[in-house]
N, C-alpha and C. Protein backbone atom coordinates (compact mmCIF):
# COMPACT_ATOMS: atom_id res chain seq x y z
N MET A 1 0.83 -1.21 0.02
CA MET A 1 0.05 0.00 0.01
C MET A 1 0.91 1.26 -0.07
N LYS A 2 0.58 2.26 -0.91
CA LYS A 2 1.38 3.30 -1.05
C LYS A 2 1.18 4.33 0.23
N LYS A 3 2.38 4.78 0.69
CA LYS A 3 2.33 5.68 1.86
C LYS A 3 2.00 7.11 1.39
N LEU A 4 1.08 7.76 2.02
CA LEU A 4 0.69 9.03 1.54
C LEU A 4 1.76 10.00 2.12
N THR A 5 1.97 11.07 1.20
CA THR A 5 2.89 12.13 1.63
C THR A 5 2.21 13.12 2.48
N THR A 6 3.00 13.95 3.11
CA THR A 6 2.43 15.04 3.98
C THR A 6 1.43 15.84 3.23
N THR A 7 1.79 16.21 1.96
CA THR A 7 0.90 17.04 1.15
C THR A 7 -0.40 16.33 0.85
N GLU A 8 -0.34 14.96 0.50
CA GLU A 8 -1.51 14.28 0.18
C GLU A 8 -2.45 14.21 1.34
N ARG A 9 -1.82 13.93 2.56
CA ARG A 9 -2.66 13.77 3.76
C ARG A 9 -3.38 15.07 4.10
N ARG A 10 -2.63 16.17 3.92
CA ARG A 10 -3.22 17.52 4.12
C ARG A 10 -4.38 17.84 3.16
N ALA A 11 -4.18 17.44 1.90
CA ALA A 11 -5.15 17.69 0.92
C ALA A 11 -6.44 16.90 1.27
N ARG A 12 -6.22 15.67 1.80
CA ARG A 12 -7.41 14.78 2.18
C ARG A 12 -8.16 15.38 3.33
N ARG A 13 -7.37 15.93 4.30
CA ARG A 13 -7.99 16.55 5.51
C ARG A 13 -8.80 17.74 5.09
N ILE A 14 -8.25 18.54 4.16
CA ILE A 14 -8.92 19.68 3.68
C ILE A 14 -10.26 19.40 2.95
N ALA A 15 -10.22 18.35 2.16
CA ALA A 15 -11.37 17.92 1.34
C ALA A 15 -12.40 17.35 2.29
N ALA A 16 -11.93 16.64 3.28
CA ALA A 16 -12.94 15.99 4.25
C ALA A 16 -13.67 17.13 5.03
N ARG A 17 -12.85 18.11 5.51
CA ARG A 17 -13.48 19.26 6.33
C ARG A 17 -14.43 20.07 5.50
N LYS A 18 -14.04 20.23 4.20
CA LYS A 18 -14.99 21.05 3.21
C LYS A 18 -16.23 20.31 3.10
N GLU A 19 -16.16 19.01 2.89
CA GLU A 19 -17.37 18.23 2.70
C GLU A 19 -18.24 18.19 3.99
N GLN A 20 -17.61 18.16 5.10
CA GLN A 20 -18.30 18.17 6.35
C GLN A 20 -19.12 19.49 6.46
N ILE A 21 -18.42 20.66 6.18
CA ILE A 21 -19.08 21.98 6.27
C ILE A 21 -20.21 22.02 5.23
N LEU A 22 -19.95 21.52 3.97
CA LEU A 22 -20.95 21.66 2.97
C LEU A 22 -22.19 20.83 3.31
N ALA A 23 -21.99 19.63 3.90
CA ALA A 23 -23.13 18.86 4.33
C ALA A 23 -23.93 19.66 5.38
N ALA A 24 -23.23 20.26 6.36
CA ALA A 24 -23.99 21.01 7.36
C ALA A 24 -24.70 22.10 6.69
N ALA A 25 -24.03 22.93 5.86
CA ALA A 25 -24.66 24.03 5.24
C ALA A 25 -25.87 23.62 4.43
N SER A 26 -25.83 22.57 3.72
CA SER A 26 -26.90 22.01 2.97
C SER A 26 -28.10 21.72 3.84
N SER A 27 -27.85 21.07 4.98
CA SER A 27 -28.89 20.76 5.97
C SER A 27 -29.50 22.02 6.47
N VAL A 28 -28.70 22.98 6.95
CA VAL A 28 -29.21 24.21 7.53
C VAL A 28 -29.96 25.16 6.58
N PHE A 29 -29.41 25.21 5.46
CA PHE A 29 -30.02 26.07 4.33
C PHE A 29 -31.37 25.44 4.00
N GLY A 30 -31.42 24.05 3.91
CA GLY A 30 -32.64 23.38 3.57
C GLY A 30 -33.77 23.56 4.58
N LYS A 31 -33.39 23.56 5.86
CA LYS A 31 -34.30 23.64 6.92
C LYS A 31 -34.78 25.09 7.14
N LYS A 32 -33.94 26.07 7.04
CA LYS A 32 -34.24 27.45 7.51
C LYS A 32 -34.25 28.39 6.32
N GLY A 33 -33.74 28.11 5.11
CA GLY A 33 -33.64 28.97 4.13
C GLY A 33 -32.38 29.81 4.24
N TYR A 34 -31.96 30.38 3.15
CA TYR A 34 -30.65 31.16 3.13
C TYR A 34 -30.74 32.31 4.07
N GLN A 35 -31.77 33.15 4.00
CA GLN A 35 -31.79 34.42 4.77
C GLN A 35 -31.70 34.16 6.22
N ARG A 36 -32.42 33.18 6.72
CA ARG A 36 -32.49 32.97 8.21
C ARG A 36 -31.42 32.12 8.78
N ALA A 37 -30.73 31.40 7.85
CA ALA A 37 -29.63 30.58 8.32
C ALA A 37 -28.46 31.36 8.76
N THR A 38 -27.67 30.96 9.77
CA THR A 38 -26.45 31.74 10.10
C THR A 38 -25.31 30.81 10.06
N THR A 39 -24.06 31.41 9.91
CA THR A 39 -22.93 30.57 9.87
C THR A 39 -22.58 29.96 11.16
N ARG A 40 -23.10 30.60 12.31
CA ARG A 40 -22.97 29.97 13.66
C ARG A 40 -23.66 28.65 13.75
N GLU A 41 -24.94 28.66 13.11
CA GLU A 41 -25.72 27.33 13.11
C GLU A 41 -25.05 26.33 12.20
N ILE A 42 -24.48 26.73 11.13
CA ILE A 42 -23.78 25.86 10.24
C ILE A 42 -22.57 25.24 10.88
N ALA A 43 -21.80 26.11 11.62
CA ALA A 43 -20.67 25.59 12.31
C ALA A 43 -21.02 24.59 13.39
N ALA A 44 -22.17 24.91 14.15
CA ALA A 44 -22.56 23.94 15.13
C ALA A 44 -23.02 22.61 14.55
N GLU A 45 -23.68 22.69 13.41
CA GLU A 45 -24.12 21.41 12.75
C GLU A 45 -22.89 20.70 12.29
N ALA A 46 -21.87 21.26 11.81
CA ALA A 46 -20.68 20.70 11.30
C ALA A 46 -19.66 20.41 12.41
N ASP A 47 -19.97 20.80 13.71
CA ASP A 47 -19.13 20.54 14.82
C ASP A 47 -17.70 21.13 14.63
N VAL A 48 -17.73 22.40 14.13
CA VAL A 48 -16.43 23.13 14.01
C VAL A 48 -16.71 24.56 14.51
N GLY A 49 -15.62 25.29 14.80
CA GLY A 49 -15.84 26.65 15.15
C GLY A 49 -16.20 27.51 14.00
N GLU A 50 -16.98 28.63 14.26
CA GLU A 50 -17.52 29.42 13.24
C GLU A 50 -16.37 29.95 12.33
N GLY A 51 -15.27 30.28 13.02
CA GLY A 51 -14.15 30.91 12.22
C GLY A 51 -13.58 29.86 11.21
N THR A 52 -13.76 28.61 11.51
CA THR A 52 -13.19 27.53 10.62
C THR A 52 -13.88 27.56 9.21
N ILE A 53 -15.14 28.01 9.20
CA ILE A 53 -15.86 28.04 7.92
C ILE A 53 -15.18 29.04 7.01
N TYR A 54 -14.70 30.08 7.63
CA TYR A 54 -14.08 31.16 6.69
C TYR A 54 -12.66 30.83 6.29
N ASN A 55 -12.17 29.64 6.84
CA ASN A 55 -10.86 29.19 6.25
C ASN A 55 -11.01 28.55 5.01
N TYR A 56 -12.30 28.08 4.76
CA TYR A 56 -12.55 27.31 3.47
C TYR A 56 -13.55 28.07 2.50
N PHE A 57 -14.33 29.03 3.08
CA PHE A 57 -15.27 29.76 2.29
C PHE A 57 -15.27 31.18 2.64
N GLU A 58 -15.12 32.09 1.69
CA GLU A 58 -14.96 33.54 1.92
C GLU A 58 -16.19 34.21 2.59
N SER A 59 -17.35 33.65 2.41
CA SER A 59 -18.60 34.30 2.93
C SER A 59 -19.72 33.20 2.89
N LYS A 60 -20.79 33.66 3.59
CA LYS A 60 -21.95 32.80 3.60
C LYS A 60 -22.48 32.61 2.14
N GLN A 61 -22.46 33.65 1.29
CA GLN A 61 -22.87 33.50 -0.04
C GLN A 61 -22.05 32.52 -0.84
N GLY A 62 -20.61 32.64 -0.59
CA GLY A 62 -19.70 31.63 -1.18
C GLY A 62 -20.06 30.32 -0.74
N LEU A 63 -20.51 30.14 0.45
CA LEU A 63 -20.89 28.79 1.00
C LEU A 63 -22.12 28.23 0.25
N LEU A 64 -23.07 29.15 -0.06
CA LEU A 64 -24.30 28.76 -0.75
C LEU A 64 -23.90 28.32 -2.15
N GLN A 65 -23.05 29.08 -2.73
CA GLN A 65 -22.58 28.74 -4.13
C GLN A 65 -21.97 27.37 -4.17
N ALA A 66 -21.12 27.04 -3.21
CA ALA A 66 -20.47 25.71 -3.12
C ALA A 66 -21.50 24.71 -2.87
N VAL A 67 -22.47 24.88 -2.09
CA VAL A 67 -23.55 23.89 -1.87
C VAL A 67 -24.37 23.61 -3.15
N VAL A 68 -24.64 24.77 -3.92
CA VAL A 68 -25.35 24.54 -5.11
C VAL A 68 -24.52 23.74 -6.17
N GLU A 69 -23.30 24.06 -6.23
CA GLU A 69 -22.38 23.32 -7.15
C GLU A 69 -22.24 21.86 -6.80
N ALA A 70 -22.13 21.59 -5.53
CA ALA A 70 -22.02 20.23 -5.06
C ALA A 70 -23.28 19.42 -5.34
N TYR A 71 -24.38 20.06 -5.12
CA TYR A 71 -25.72 19.47 -5.37
C TYR A 71 -25.83 19.04 -6.80
N ALA A 72 -25.44 20.02 -7.65
CA ALA A 72 -25.57 19.81 -9.15
C ALA A 72 -24.76 18.65 -9.62
N GLU A 73 -23.54 18.60 -9.06
CA GLU A 73 -22.57 17.55 -9.41
C GLU A 73 -23.05 16.14 -8.97
N GLU A 74 -23.70 16.15 -7.74
CA GLU A 74 -24.25 14.91 -7.24
C GLU A 74 -25.38 14.34 -8.14
N VAL A 75 -26.29 15.29 -8.60
CA VAL A 75 -27.33 14.80 -9.45
C VAL A 75 -26.82 14.35 -10.88
N VAL A 76 -25.87 15.14 -11.30
CA VAL A 76 -25.23 14.88 -12.65
C VAL A 76 -24.56 13.51 -12.64
N GLY A 77 -23.95 13.21 -11.47
CA GLY A 77 -23.33 11.87 -11.30
C GLY A 77 -24.33 10.72 -11.44
N ALA A 78 -25.39 10.96 -10.86
CA ALA A 78 -26.53 9.94 -10.83
C ALA A 78 -27.01 9.80 -12.29
N ILE A 79 -27.30 10.86 -12.97
CA ILE A 79 -27.76 10.90 -14.37
C ILE A 79 -26.84 10.21 -15.35
N SER A 80 -25.55 10.44 -15.08
CA SER A 80 -24.52 9.89 -16.05
C SER A 80 -24.42 8.36 -15.93
N GLU A 81 -25.01 7.77 -14.78
CA GLU A 81 -24.98 6.33 -14.62
C GLU A 81 -25.99 5.65 -15.37
N VAL A 82 -26.97 6.37 -15.94
CA VAL A 82 -28.06 5.72 -16.76
C VAL A 82 -27.60 5.30 -18.05
N GLN A 83 -27.43 4.01 -18.20
CA GLN A 83 -26.86 3.44 -19.47
C GLN A 83 -27.98 2.81 -20.36
N ALA A 84 -27.60 2.32 -21.48
CA ALA A 84 -28.58 1.66 -22.44
C ALA A 84 -29.10 0.37 -21.78
N GLU A 85 -28.11 -0.35 -21.13
CA GLU A 85 -28.59 -1.72 -20.61
C GLU A 85 -29.55 -1.53 -19.48
N ASP A 86 -30.66 -2.19 -19.64
CA ASP A 86 -31.75 -2.18 -18.62
C ASP A 86 -32.10 -0.74 -18.35
N PHE A 87 -32.34 -0.01 -19.40
CA PHE A 87 -32.57 1.54 -19.30
C PHE A 87 -33.70 1.82 -18.37
N GLU A 88 -34.80 1.07 -18.62
CA GLU A 88 -36.00 1.51 -17.82
C GLU A 88 -35.78 1.30 -16.25
N ALA A 89 -35.14 0.21 -15.90
CA ALA A 89 -34.92 -0.01 -14.48
C ALA A 89 -33.87 1.00 -13.91
N MET A 90 -32.93 1.46 -14.73
CA MET A 90 -31.89 2.44 -14.32
C MET A 90 -32.58 3.69 -14.07
N MET A 91 -33.48 4.11 -15.07
CA MET A 91 -34.21 5.45 -15.04
C MET A 91 -35.12 5.46 -13.77
N ALA A 92 -35.76 4.37 -13.49
CA ALA A 92 -36.60 4.29 -12.30
C ALA A 92 -35.83 4.49 -11.01
N GLU A 93 -34.62 3.85 -10.96
CA GLU A 93 -33.75 3.94 -9.85
C GLU A 93 -33.26 5.36 -9.58
N VAL A 94 -32.93 6.04 -10.68
CA VAL A 94 -32.47 7.48 -10.57
C VAL A 94 -33.65 8.28 -10.04
N LEU A 95 -34.82 8.13 -10.63
CA LEU A 95 -35.97 8.86 -10.20
C LEU A 95 -36.32 8.57 -8.75
N THR A 96 -36.23 7.26 -8.40
CA THR A 96 -36.52 6.97 -6.97
C THR A 96 -35.67 7.69 -6.06
N HIS A 97 -34.37 7.62 -6.34
CA HIS A 97 -33.33 8.32 -5.49
C HIS A 97 -33.70 9.80 -5.24
N ARG A 98 -34.11 10.42 -6.39
CA ARG A 98 -34.38 11.86 -6.32
C ARG A 98 -35.80 12.16 -5.57
N PHE A 99 -36.69 11.27 -5.71
CA PHE A 99 -37.96 11.49 -4.91
C PHE A 99 -37.81 11.30 -3.41
N GLN A 100 -36.86 10.37 -3.00
CA GLN A 100 -36.79 9.96 -1.63
C GLN A 100 -35.74 10.91 -0.93
N ASN A 101 -35.07 11.79 -1.71
CA ASN A 101 -34.02 12.63 -1.15
C ASN A 101 -34.62 13.86 -0.66
N ALA A 102 -34.87 13.92 0.73
CA ALA A 102 -35.54 15.01 1.28
C ALA A 102 -34.66 16.27 1.16
N ARG A 103 -33.38 16.10 1.32
CA ARG A 103 -32.45 17.19 1.23
C ARG A 103 -32.53 17.88 -0.15
N GLU A 104 -32.54 17.03 -1.20
CA GLU A 104 -32.56 17.63 -2.57
C GLU A 104 -33.94 18.38 -2.67
N ARG A 105 -34.99 17.87 -2.17
CA ARG A 105 -36.31 18.56 -2.36
C ARG A 105 -36.26 19.98 -1.70
N ARG A 106 -35.63 19.99 -0.47
CA ARG A 106 -35.64 21.22 0.22
C ARG A 106 -34.69 22.20 -0.47
N LEU A 107 -33.60 21.69 -1.12
CA LEU A 107 -32.64 22.62 -1.78
C LEU A 107 -33.34 23.18 -3.01
N MET A 108 -34.18 22.32 -3.71
CA MET A 108 -34.84 22.85 -4.85
C MET A 108 -35.79 23.94 -4.43
N MET A 109 -36.49 23.79 -3.40
CA MET A 109 -37.33 24.85 -2.86
C MET A 109 -36.56 26.11 -2.56
N LEU A 110 -35.44 25.98 -1.97
CA LEU A 110 -34.51 27.03 -1.69
C LEU A 110 -34.06 27.73 -3.04
N PHE A 111 -33.78 26.98 -3.97
CA PHE A 111 -33.38 27.61 -5.37
C PHE A 111 -34.60 28.42 -5.88
N LEU A 112 -35.82 27.90 -5.80
CA LEU A 112 -36.97 28.47 -6.39
C LEU A 112 -37.27 29.78 -5.72
N TYR A 113 -37.26 29.76 -4.34
CA TYR A 113 -37.81 30.86 -3.58
C TYR A 113 -36.74 31.95 -3.10
N GLU A 114 -35.50 31.52 -3.00
CA GLU A 114 -34.54 32.43 -2.44
C GLU A 114 -33.25 32.68 -3.25
N ALA A 115 -32.74 31.63 -3.95
CA ALA A 115 -31.44 31.73 -4.48
C ALA A 115 -31.31 32.78 -5.57
N HIS A 116 -32.31 33.12 -6.34
CA HIS A 116 -32.34 34.11 -7.38
C HIS A 116 -32.23 35.50 -6.75
N ILE A 117 -32.67 35.70 -5.50
CA ILE A 117 -32.45 36.97 -4.82
C ILE A 117 -31.05 37.03 -4.26
N VAL A 118 -30.61 36.11 -3.72
CA VAL A 118 -29.23 36.02 -3.12
C VAL A 118 -28.14 36.21 -4.20
N GLY A 119 -28.30 35.43 -5.30
CA GLY A 119 -27.24 35.34 -6.25
C GLY A 119 -27.26 36.49 -7.22
N GLY A 120 -28.31 37.29 -7.28
CA GLY A 120 -28.31 38.42 -8.13
C GLY A 120 -28.15 38.00 -9.60
N ASP A 121 -27.27 38.50 -10.34
CA ASP A 121 -27.09 38.15 -11.78
C ASP A 121 -26.52 36.73 -11.90
N LYS A 122 -25.96 36.16 -10.83
CA LYS A 122 -25.45 34.78 -10.93
C LYS A 122 -26.53 33.67 -10.85
N ASN A 123 -27.57 33.97 -10.08
CA ASN A 123 -28.76 33.11 -10.03
C ASN A 123 -28.29 31.61 -9.80
N TYR A 124 -27.94 31.28 -8.58
CA TYR A 124 -27.32 29.96 -8.30
C TYR A 124 -28.19 28.83 -8.71
N GLY A 125 -29.56 29.07 -8.37
CA GLY A 125 -30.58 27.97 -8.74
C GLY A 125 -30.53 27.73 -10.23
N GLN A 126 -30.42 28.82 -11.02
CA GLN A 126 -30.44 28.65 -12.47
C GLN A 126 -29.27 27.95 -13.00
N VAL A 127 -28.07 28.22 -12.32
CA VAL A 127 -26.79 27.53 -12.60
C VAL A 127 -26.88 26.11 -12.30
N ALA A 128 -27.44 25.74 -11.15
CA ALA A 128 -27.48 24.24 -10.81
C ALA A 128 -28.38 23.53 -11.75
N LEU A 129 -29.64 24.03 -11.96
CA LEU A 129 -30.63 23.44 -12.81
C LEU A 129 -30.14 23.35 -14.30
N GLY A 130 -29.35 24.41 -14.71
CA GLY A 130 -28.80 24.42 -16.08
C GLY A 130 -27.77 23.35 -16.22
N ARG A 131 -26.97 23.06 -15.20
CA ARG A 131 -26.03 22.08 -15.20
C ARG A 131 -26.74 20.62 -15.32
N ILE A 132 -27.73 20.44 -14.59
CA ILE A 132 -28.52 19.19 -14.59
C ILE A 132 -29.21 18.92 -15.92
N ILE A 133 -29.75 20.03 -16.43
CA ILE A 133 -30.48 19.93 -17.70
C ILE A 133 -29.42 19.54 -18.84
N GLN A 134 -28.32 20.13 -18.82
CA GLN A 134 -27.26 19.93 -19.80
C GLN A 134 -26.88 18.45 -19.78
N GLU A 135 -26.63 17.92 -18.60
CA GLU A 135 -26.29 16.50 -18.53
C GLU A 135 -27.37 15.54 -18.93
N THR A 136 -28.63 15.81 -18.55
CA THR A 136 -29.74 15.09 -18.90
C THR A 136 -29.97 15.07 -20.49
N GLN A 137 -29.74 16.25 -21.02
CA GLN A 137 -29.88 16.44 -22.51
C GLN A 137 -28.76 15.58 -23.27
N LYS A 138 -27.55 15.58 -22.75
CA LYS A 138 -26.54 14.71 -23.28
C LYS A 138 -26.90 13.29 -23.22
N ARG A 139 -27.43 12.83 -22.06
CA ARG A 139 -27.76 11.37 -21.89
C ARG A 139 -28.87 11.03 -22.83
N VAL A 140 -29.97 11.91 -22.95
CA VAL A 140 -31.07 11.61 -23.87
C VAL A 140 -30.48 11.45 -25.32
N ALA A 141 -29.62 12.41 -25.79
CA ALA A 141 -29.15 12.37 -27.04
C ALA A 141 -28.39 11.09 -27.38
N THR A 142 -27.54 10.60 -26.31
CA THR A 142 -26.85 9.35 -26.44
C THR A 142 -27.83 8.24 -26.60
N LEU A 143 -28.87 8.17 -25.90
CA LEU A 143 -29.79 7.04 -25.92
C LEU A 143 -30.66 7.10 -27.23
N VAL A 144 -30.88 8.31 -27.68
CA VAL A 144 -31.64 8.48 -29.07
C VAL A 144 -30.72 7.86 -30.17
N ASP A 145 -29.51 8.25 -30.13
CA ASP A 145 -28.46 7.82 -31.08
C ASP A 145 -28.34 6.24 -31.04
N ALA A 146 -28.42 5.71 -29.85
CA ALA A 146 -28.30 4.22 -29.71
C ALA A 146 -29.60 3.41 -30.03
N GLY A 147 -30.64 4.23 -30.31
CA GLY A 147 -31.89 3.60 -30.70
C GLY A 147 -32.71 3.12 -29.50
N ILE A 148 -32.30 3.55 -28.30
CA ILE A 148 -32.99 3.17 -27.10
C ILE A 148 -34.23 4.02 -26.83
N MET A 149 -34.09 5.22 -27.25
CA MET A 149 -35.24 6.17 -27.15
C MET A 149 -35.57 6.58 -28.53
N ARG A 150 -36.87 6.89 -28.80
CA ARG A 150 -37.27 7.33 -30.08
C ARG A 150 -36.77 8.73 -30.43
N PRO A 151 -36.73 9.11 -31.70
CA PRO A 151 -36.10 10.44 -32.02
C PRO A 151 -36.96 11.52 -31.37
N ILE A 152 -36.49 12.17 -30.43
CA ILE A 152 -37.09 13.36 -29.83
C ILE A 152 -36.10 14.44 -29.62
N ASP A 153 -36.55 15.63 -29.32
CA ASP A 153 -35.70 16.74 -29.10
C ASP A 153 -35.09 16.63 -27.71
N PRO A 154 -33.82 16.34 -27.54
CA PRO A 154 -33.10 16.13 -26.30
C PRO A 154 -33.32 17.33 -25.27
N SER A 155 -33.24 18.58 -25.90
CA SER A 155 -33.29 19.73 -25.04
C SER A 155 -34.70 19.76 -24.39
N PHE A 156 -35.77 19.52 -25.20
CA PHE A 156 -37.12 19.52 -24.63
C PHE A 156 -37.35 18.42 -23.67
N ALA A 157 -36.90 17.26 -23.94
CA ALA A 157 -36.98 16.10 -23.01
C ALA A 157 -36.37 16.41 -21.74
N ALA A 158 -35.13 16.98 -21.76
CA ALA A 158 -34.43 17.25 -20.61
C ALA A 158 -35.07 18.23 -19.68
N ARG A 159 -35.68 19.28 -20.26
CA ARG A 159 -36.40 20.29 -19.49
C ARG A 159 -37.69 19.71 -18.93
N THR A 160 -38.28 18.81 -19.72
CA THR A 160 -39.53 18.19 -19.25
C THR A 160 -39.30 17.25 -18.00
N MET A 161 -38.21 16.51 -18.07
CA MET A 161 -37.85 15.66 -16.93
C MET A 161 -37.53 16.40 -15.69
N THR A 162 -36.74 17.56 -15.95
CA THR A 162 -36.28 18.37 -14.68
C THR A 162 -37.55 19.08 -14.15
N ALA A 163 -38.43 19.50 -14.99
CA ALA A 163 -39.63 20.17 -14.56
C ALA A 163 -40.47 19.25 -13.78
N THR A 164 -40.56 17.99 -14.11
CA THR A 164 -41.36 17.05 -13.47
C THR A 164 -40.75 16.85 -12.02
N VAL A 165 -39.50 16.65 -11.88
CA VAL A 165 -38.88 16.42 -10.63
C VAL A 165 -39.08 17.66 -9.74
N LEU A 166 -38.88 18.79 -10.33
CA LEU A 166 -39.25 20.02 -9.50
C LEU A 166 -40.75 20.09 -9.11
N GLY A 167 -41.57 19.69 -9.89
CA GLY A 167 -43.00 19.69 -9.55
C GLY A 167 -43.30 18.73 -8.37
N PHE A 168 -42.75 17.56 -8.38
CA PHE A 168 -42.90 16.57 -7.38
C PHE A 168 -42.29 17.09 -6.03
N ALA A 169 -41.12 17.76 -6.15
CA ALA A 169 -40.46 18.32 -5.07
C ALA A 169 -41.38 19.36 -4.36
N MET A 170 -42.04 20.21 -5.16
CA MET A 170 -42.94 21.18 -4.53
C MET A 170 -44.07 20.58 -3.88
N MET A 171 -44.62 19.47 -4.45
CA MET A 171 -45.83 18.83 -3.87
C MET A 171 -45.43 18.15 -2.56
N PHE A 172 -44.21 17.50 -2.51
CA PHE A 172 -43.76 16.82 -1.28
C PHE A 172 -43.56 17.86 -0.19
N GLU A 173 -42.93 19.03 -0.51
CA GLU A 173 -42.58 20.02 0.61
C GLU A 173 -43.82 20.89 0.98
N LEU A 174 -44.76 21.12 0.05
CA LEU A 174 -45.93 21.86 0.44
C LEU A 174 -46.84 21.08 1.32
N GLY A 175 -46.71 19.76 1.18
CA GLY A 175 -47.44 18.84 2.10
C GLY A 175 -49.00 18.79 1.95
N GLY A 176 -49.71 18.53 2.95
CA GLY A 176 -51.15 18.34 2.88
C GLY A 176 -51.65 17.35 1.93
N GLU A 177 -52.63 17.71 1.21
CA GLU A 177 -53.29 16.86 0.24
C GLU A 177 -52.40 16.54 -0.93
N LEU A 178 -51.58 17.55 -1.28
CA LEU A 178 -50.69 17.36 -2.42
C LEU A 178 -49.66 16.21 -2.16
N ARG A 179 -49.21 16.15 -0.91
CA ARG A 179 -48.24 15.06 -0.45
C ARG A 179 -49.02 13.78 -0.28
N SER A 180 -50.20 13.75 0.37
CA SER A 180 -50.91 12.57 0.74
C SER A 180 -51.41 11.86 -0.60
N GLY A 181 -51.76 12.64 -1.57
CA GLY A 181 -52.09 12.05 -2.88
C GLY A 181 -50.99 11.29 -3.56
N LEU A 182 -49.79 11.64 -3.22
CA LEU A 182 -48.62 10.89 -3.76
C LEU A 182 -48.23 9.67 -2.92
N MET A 183 -48.25 9.87 -1.60
CA MET A 183 -47.72 8.82 -0.76
C MET A 183 -48.91 8.08 0.00
N ARG A 184 -49.71 7.42 -0.81
CA ARG A 184 -50.76 6.70 -0.14
C ARG A 184 -50.24 5.52 0.66
N PRO A 185 -50.91 4.93 1.54
CA PRO A 185 -50.49 3.69 2.29
C PRO A 185 -49.92 2.59 1.28
N GLY A 186 -48.72 2.18 1.58
CA GLY A 186 -48.12 1.13 0.72
C GLY A 186 -47.41 1.65 -0.50
N PHE A 187 -47.61 2.99 -0.70
CA PHE A 187 -46.91 3.59 -1.90
C PHE A 187 -45.64 4.24 -1.52
N SER A 188 -44.51 3.90 -2.08
CA SER A 188 -43.29 4.41 -1.71
C SER A 188 -42.61 5.29 -2.70
N ALA A 189 -41.44 5.84 -2.44
CA ALA A 189 -40.70 6.62 -3.45
C ALA A 189 -40.32 5.71 -4.58
N GLY A 190 -40.10 4.42 -4.26
CA GLY A 190 -39.79 3.44 -5.37
C GLY A 190 -40.93 3.27 -6.35
N HIS A 191 -42.09 3.17 -5.87
CA HIS A 191 -43.31 3.13 -6.66
C HIS A 191 -43.42 4.37 -7.51
N LEU A 192 -43.15 5.47 -6.91
CA LEU A 192 -43.31 6.79 -7.60
C LEU A 192 -42.24 6.83 -8.79
N GLY A 193 -41.04 6.45 -8.46
CA GLY A 193 -39.99 6.33 -9.48
C GLY A 193 -40.35 5.51 -10.63
N GLN A 194 -40.85 4.38 -10.31
CA GLN A 194 -41.20 3.38 -11.42
C GLN A 194 -42.33 3.87 -12.19
N ASN A 195 -43.32 4.56 -11.55
CA ASN A 195 -44.48 5.08 -12.30
C ASN A 195 -44.16 6.26 -13.25
N VAL A 196 -43.25 7.10 -12.71
CA VAL A 196 -42.90 8.26 -13.54
C VAL A 196 -41.96 7.83 -14.63
N ALA A 197 -41.12 6.83 -14.44
CA ALA A 197 -40.27 6.30 -15.49
C ALA A 197 -41.19 5.61 -16.53
N ASP A 198 -42.15 4.92 -16.08
CA ASP A 198 -43.08 4.35 -17.05
C ASP A 198 -43.88 5.36 -17.89
N LEU A 199 -44.21 6.33 -17.24
CA LEU A 199 -45.02 7.42 -17.93
C LEU A 199 -44.11 8.09 -18.99
N PHE A 200 -42.82 8.38 -18.57
CA PHE A 200 -41.91 8.95 -19.54
C PHE A 200 -41.67 8.07 -20.78
N LEU A 201 -41.45 6.72 -20.44
CA LEU A 201 -41.08 5.78 -21.54
C LEU A 201 -42.23 5.30 -22.36
N HIS A 202 -43.44 5.20 -21.77
CA HIS A 202 -44.55 4.66 -22.48
C HIS A 202 -45.68 5.59 -22.75
N GLY A 203 -45.61 6.80 -22.16
CA GLY A 203 -46.65 7.76 -22.48
C GLY A 203 -48.06 7.48 -21.81
N LEU A 204 -49.08 8.16 -22.24
CA LEU A 204 -50.44 7.98 -21.70
C LEU A 204 -51.31 7.31 -22.72
N LYS A 205 -50.96 7.26 -23.97
CA LYS A 205 -51.82 6.71 -25.00
C LYS A 205 -51.93 5.18 -24.75
N ALA A 206 -53.16 4.55 -24.85
CA ALA A 206 -53.31 3.14 -24.76
C ALA A 206 -52.74 2.42 -25.92
N ASP A 207 -52.15 1.31 -25.66
CA ASP A 207 -51.67 0.49 -26.76
C ASP A 207 -52.87 0.00 -27.61
N LYS A 208 -52.68 0.04 -28.99
CA LYS A 208 -53.87 -0.40 -29.78
C LYS A 208 -54.43 -1.77 -29.55
N MET A 209 -53.47 -2.66 -29.28
CA MET A 209 -53.82 -4.01 -29.01
C MET A 209 -54.66 -4.19 -27.68
N VAL A 210 -54.05 -3.38 -26.63
CA VAL A 210 -54.81 -3.47 -25.38
C VAL A 210 -56.13 -2.88 -25.41
N LYS A 211 -56.23 -1.74 -26.18
CA LYS A 211 -57.52 -1.02 -26.40
C LYS A 211 -58.46 -1.93 -27.05
N GLN A 212 -58.15 -2.70 -28.09
CA GLN A 212 -59.00 -3.54 -28.79
C GLN A 212 -59.47 -4.62 -27.91
N GLU A 213 -58.59 -5.20 -27.06
CA GLU A 213 -59.04 -6.29 -26.08
C GLU A 213 -60.03 -5.75 -25.10
N VAL A 214 -59.89 -4.49 -24.64
CA VAL A 214 -60.79 -3.86 -23.79
C VAL A 214 -62.14 -3.79 -24.47
N LEU A 215 -62.16 -3.33 -25.65
CA LEU A 215 -63.48 -3.13 -26.43
C LEU A 215 -64.11 -4.53 -26.62
N ASP A 216 -63.36 -5.54 -26.93
CA ASP A 216 -63.96 -6.87 -27.07
C ASP A 216 -64.60 -7.36 -25.90
N VAL A 217 -63.87 -7.15 -24.69
CA VAL A 217 -64.55 -7.58 -23.42
C VAL A 217 -65.80 -6.85 -23.16
N ALA A 218 -65.73 -5.57 -23.47
CA ALA A 218 -66.94 -4.72 -23.21
C ALA A 218 -68.04 -5.26 -24.05
């Protein structure tokens, strides 16, 4: 086993501490929103001194930007794993992960309601979603070229998929009847992922053969 150099060990410690702070910031921002969250609360969540945060991030806004970028890369990583082999199962798995990820849903709400105000012309939410849409578009184009998906506009398909996930995130977080209609007894995030994947892949129109069988039975 290769022995790590002092520089390599230091780089690992820095990366681990940054990840620790980002996870805490993601949690606090998601629960309280950007405006009400404080670096003191984030430091407490990360179990570090408040001053330690500024050793890694220049400001609270810089911390938000890093959270947004890390979130986008996490989702992009999941999307990039969707391959042609057993495509439907992989797509359902990715959607399931996104539907059951409460942190992601809260961050999406944060992007929608606050990030555009905080980020000004940078608009962090737009940057994150733009990155996700770009990767989804590339994946759709690859699958179309491979003959796994029918010839469709990858740009439109990517935006439709992203908008669907955003819509479900809003229904989950707004709660009440919107949420209960999704999560009926015995109905899990896995069921939701499978159903949405099925809807994307097979659409709403009844198969002609199935429709004829229904008519014959009637």
